[in-house]
Each structure stands twice: as structure tokens, then as C-alpha cells.
Amino acid sequence: MNRVKYLVFGLRNIVFRDEDGRGFVDNPLFSEFSRLLRFVHCQGITPVVFANDNWAVGGKEVQPILTEYWGNIPI
């Protein structure tokens, strides 16, 4: 039987916005999305976060911040 192996997510301006540089990890959507990622991972599905450029919020690169919260997710 075929199974879903990957789910691809685009986060910019969806889970958090980058126009004001405030702490996006404090956003309730970030918390809910983190729960979704844990669920997907427990189902044996690899989540992938799509970004087509180096993304920074408030002068900080986003990938290390996301890795701190979610571990090693392909970006």
C-alpha cells in the first residue's frame, strides 16, 4: 500500500508574518503548527518547509530558529 512520505509546507505570511520582526514564535499559529509537525512526524511522514530564499525576520535568519524549535526539518 502506498503511503504519504513527505508533506511540504510554505510558512511565509501564513504561519507567521515577517513584516514587523516581532517574535513570531509567540504567535498562536506557530504553536498550533508545531503541534501539527509533531503529529505528522509521529505518523512516519517527513515534514518539509519550503523557502525559496534565505529568510530573515527582525534581522535574524529563520532556519536556525526553526531548527531550535523543530529539530532537523528539511528547509
N, C-alpha and C. Protein backbone atom coordinates (compact mmCIF):
# COMPACT_ATOMS: atom_id res chain seq x y z
N MET A 1 0.84 -1.18 0.00
CA MET A 1 0.00 0.00 0.00
C MET A 1 0.89 1.25 0.00
N ASN A 2 0.55 2.23 -0.82
CA ASN A 2 1.30 3.48 -0.88
C ASN A 2 0.97 4.35 0.32
N ARG A 3 1.99 5.05 0.80
CA ARG A 3 1.82 5.95 1.94
C ARG A 3 2.37 7.31 1.60
N VAL A 4 1.88 8.30 2.28
CA VAL A 4 2.45 9.64 2.16
C VAL A 4 3.81 9.62 2.83
N LYS A 5 4.83 10.12 2.14
CA LYS A 5 6.18 10.13 2.70
C LYS A 5 6.60 11.52 3.15
N TYR A 6 6.13 12.53 2.43
CA TYR A 6 6.52 13.91 2.73
C TYR A 6 5.30 14.81 2.67
N LEU A 7 5.29 15.84 3.51
CA LEU A 7 4.33 16.94 3.41
C LEU A 7 5.15 18.22 3.29
N VAL A 8 4.84 19.03 2.31
CA VAL A 8 5.58 20.26 2.07
C VAL A 8 4.74 21.44 2.54
N PHE A 9 5.35 22.29 3.36
CA PHE A 9 4.66 23.46 3.90
C PHE A 9 5.39 24.73 3.50
N GLY A 10 4.67 25.74 3.11
CA GLY A 10 5.20 27.08 2.92
C GLY A 10 4.70 27.93 4.08
N LEU A 11 5.60 28.54 4.81
CA LEU A 11 5.21 29.22 6.05
C LEU A 11 5.15 30.74 5.95
N ARG A 12 5.88 31.32 5.04
CA ARG A 12 5.98 32.77 4.99
C ARG A 12 4.61 33.39 4.78
N ASN A 13 4.25 34.32 5.66
CA ASN A 13 2.98 35.04 5.64
C ASN A 13 1.77 34.12 5.80
N ILE A 14 1.99 32.93 6.30
CA ILE A 14 0.89 32.02 6.58
C ILE A 14 0.90 31.69 8.07
N VAL A 15 1.93 30.98 8.53
CA VAL A 15 2.02 30.64 9.94
C VAL A 15 2.52 31.84 10.73
N PHE A 16 3.43 32.58 10.17
CA PHE A 16 3.85 33.83 10.78
C PHE A 16 4.24 34.81 9.70
N ARG A 17 4.14 36.07 10.04
CA ARG A 17 4.43 37.13 9.07
C ARG A 17 5.77 37.76 9.41
N ASP A 18 6.43 38.28 8.37
CA ASP A 18 7.74 38.86 8.60
C ASP A 18 7.80 40.37 8.40
N GLU A 19 6.63 41.03 8.42
CA GLU A 19 6.67 42.46 8.16
C GLU A 19 7.08 43.29 9.38
N ASP A 20 6.87 42.80 10.58
CA ASP A 20 7.16 43.63 11.74
C ASP A 20 8.36 43.17 12.55
N GLY A 21 8.85 41.96 12.33
CA GLY A 21 10.03 41.50 13.03
C GLY A 21 9.81 41.12 14.48
N ARG A 22 8.56 41.12 14.94
CA ARG A 22 8.30 40.71 16.33
C ARG A 22 8.54 39.22 16.48
N GLY A 23 8.56 38.73 17.69
CA GLY A 23 8.82 37.32 17.94
C GLY A 23 7.74 36.43 17.36
N PHE A 24 7.99 35.85 16.20
CA PHE A 24 6.96 35.05 15.54
C PHE A 24 6.70 33.75 16.25
N VAL A 25 7.62 33.28 17.09
CA VAL A 25 7.38 32.03 17.81
C VAL A 25 6.35 32.22 18.91
N ASP A 26 6.00 33.45 19.25
CA ASP A 26 4.96 33.72 20.24
C ASP A 26 3.57 33.71 19.61
N ASN A 27 3.51 33.63 18.31
CA ASN A 27 2.25 33.62 17.57
C ASN A 27 1.51 32.31 17.86
N PRO A 28 0.21 32.36 18.17
CA PRO A 28 -0.56 31.12 18.41
C PRO A 28 -0.53 30.16 17.23
N LEU A 29 -0.48 30.67 16.01
CA LEU A 29 -0.41 29.78 14.85
C LEU A 29 0.90 28.99 14.83
N PHE A 30 1.98 29.59 15.30
CA PHE A 30 3.26 28.88 15.36
C PHE A 30 3.14 27.69 16.30
N SER A 31 2.50 27.90 17.42
CA SER A 31 2.30 26.82 18.39
C SER A 31 1.45 25.69 17.80
N GLU A 32 0.37 26.05 17.15
CA GLU A 32 -0.50 25.04 16.54
C GLU A 32 0.21 24.31 15.41
N PHE A 33 0.98 25.04 14.61
CA PHE A 33 1.72 24.41 13.53
C PHE A 33 2.78 23.46 14.09
N SER A 34 3.39 23.83 15.19
CA SER A 34 4.36 22.94 15.84
C SER A 34 3.70 21.64 16.27
N ARG A 35 2.49 21.72 16.79
CA ARG A 35 1.74 20.51 17.15
C ARG A 35 1.47 19.66 15.92
N LEU A 36 1.10 20.29 14.81
CA LEU A 36 0.86 19.56 13.57
C LEU A 36 2.13 18.85 13.11
N LEU A 37 3.26 19.52 13.19
CA LEU A 37 4.52 18.89 12.78
C LEU A 37 4.84 17.66 13.63
N ARG A 38 4.61 17.77 14.93
CA ARG A 38 4.86 16.61 15.81
C ARG A 38 3.95 15.45 15.43
N PHE A 39 2.68 15.73 15.15
CA PHE A 39 1.74 14.69 14.76
C PHE A 39 2.17 14.04 13.44
N VAL A 40 2.50 14.86 12.46
CA VAL A 40 2.93 14.34 11.16
C VAL A 40 4.15 13.45 11.31
N HIS A 41 5.11 13.91 12.11
CA HIS A 41 6.33 13.14 12.34
C HIS A 41 6.01 11.80 13.01
N CYS A 42 5.12 11.79 13.97
CA CYS A 42 4.74 10.55 14.67
C CYS A 42 4.05 9.56 13.72
N GLN A 43 3.48 10.06 12.63
CA GLN A 43 2.83 9.20 11.65
C GLN A 43 3.83 8.64 10.63
N GLY A 44 5.11 8.97 10.80
CA GLY A 44 6.13 8.48 9.89
C GLY A 44 6.25 9.29 8.61
N ILE A 45 5.73 10.50 8.63
CA ILE A 45 5.77 11.39 7.47
C ILE A 45 6.81 12.46 7.74
N THR A 46 7.65 12.75 6.74
CA THR A 46 8.68 13.77 6.88
C THR A 46 8.12 15.12 6.46
N PRO A 47 8.04 16.09 7.39
CA PRO A 47 7.60 17.42 7.00
C PRO A 47 8.76 18.17 6.34
N VAL A 48 8.45 18.95 5.31
CA VAL A 48 9.43 19.76 4.61
C VAL A 48 8.90 21.18 4.59
N VAL A 49 9.75 22.14 4.99
CA VAL A 49 9.37 23.55 4.97
C VAL A 49 9.98 24.16 3.72
N PHE A 50 9.14 24.74 2.86
CA PHE A 50 9.58 25.32 1.60
C PHE A 50 9.96 26.78 1.79
N ALA A 51 11.14 27.14 1.32
CA ALA A 51 11.58 28.53 1.29
C ALA A 51 12.46 28.68 0.05
N ASN A 52 12.19 29.66 -0.76
CA ASN A 52 12.96 29.81 -1.99
C ASN A 52 14.06 30.86 -1.89
N ASP A 53 14.34 31.32 -0.70
CA ASP A 53 15.46 32.24 -0.49
C ASP A 53 15.86 32.20 0.98
N ASN A 54 16.96 32.87 1.32
CA ASN A 54 17.34 33.00 2.73
C ASN A 54 16.37 33.95 3.39
N TRP A 55 15.71 33.49 4.42
CA TRP A 55 14.62 34.22 5.01
C TRP A 55 15.04 34.73 6.38
N ALA A 56 14.83 36.01 6.62
CA ALA A 56 15.18 36.63 7.90
C ALA A 56 13.97 37.38 8.44
N VAL A 57 13.82 37.35 9.75
CA VAL A 57 12.77 38.09 10.43
C VAL A 57 13.44 38.91 11.52
N GLY A 58 13.21 40.19 11.51
CA GLY A 58 13.81 41.06 12.51
C GLY A 58 15.33 40.99 12.51
N GLY A 59 15.91 40.78 11.33
CA GLY A 59 17.37 40.73 11.22
C GLY A 59 17.98 39.39 11.59
N LYS A 60 17.16 38.41 11.96
CA LYS A 60 17.66 37.08 12.33
C LYS A 60 17.26 36.08 11.26
N GLU A 61 18.21 35.22 10.86
CA GLU A 61 17.90 34.18 9.90
C GLU A 61 16.93 33.18 10.52
N VAL A 62 15.94 32.77 9.75
CA VAL A 62 14.86 31.95 10.27
C VAL A 62 15.25 30.48 10.44
N GLN A 63 16.04 29.92 9.53
CA GLN A 63 16.34 28.49 9.60
C GLN A 63 16.92 28.04 10.94
N PRO A 64 17.92 28.72 11.52
CA PRO A 64 18.41 28.27 12.83
C PRO A 64 17.35 28.35 13.94
N ILE A 65 16.46 29.33 13.85
CA ILE A 65 15.40 29.46 14.86
C ILE A 65 14.44 28.29 14.74
N LEU A 66 14.04 27.96 13.50
CA LEU A 66 13.12 26.84 13.30
C LEU A 66 13.77 25.52 13.71
N THR A 67 15.06 25.36 13.42
CA THR A 67 15.78 24.14 13.82
C THR A 67 15.82 24.01 15.33
N GLU A 68 15.94 25.12 16.03
CA GLU A 68 15.94 25.09 17.50
C GLU A 68 14.61 24.56 18.04
N TYR A 69 13.50 24.95 17.43
CA TYR A 69 12.18 24.54 17.91
C TYR A 69 11.74 23.18 17.37
N TRP A 70 12.06 22.88 16.10
CA TRP A 70 11.52 21.70 15.44
C TRP A 70 12.53 20.62 15.15
N GLY A 71 13.79 20.87 15.40
CA GLY A 71 14.82 19.88 15.05
C GLY A 71 15.19 20.00 13.58
N ASN A 72 15.75 18.96 13.06
CA ASN A 72 16.26 18.98 11.70
C ASN A 72 15.17 18.64 10.68
N ILE A 73 14.45 19.66 10.24
CA ILE A 73 13.42 19.51 9.21
C ILE A 73 13.99 20.06 7.92
N PRO A 74 13.87 19.33 6.82
CA PRO A 74 14.39 19.87 5.55
C PRO A 74 13.75 21.21 5.22
N ILE A 75 14.61 22.19 4.93
CA ILE A 75 14.16 23.52 4.55
C ILE A 75 14.78 23.88 3.21
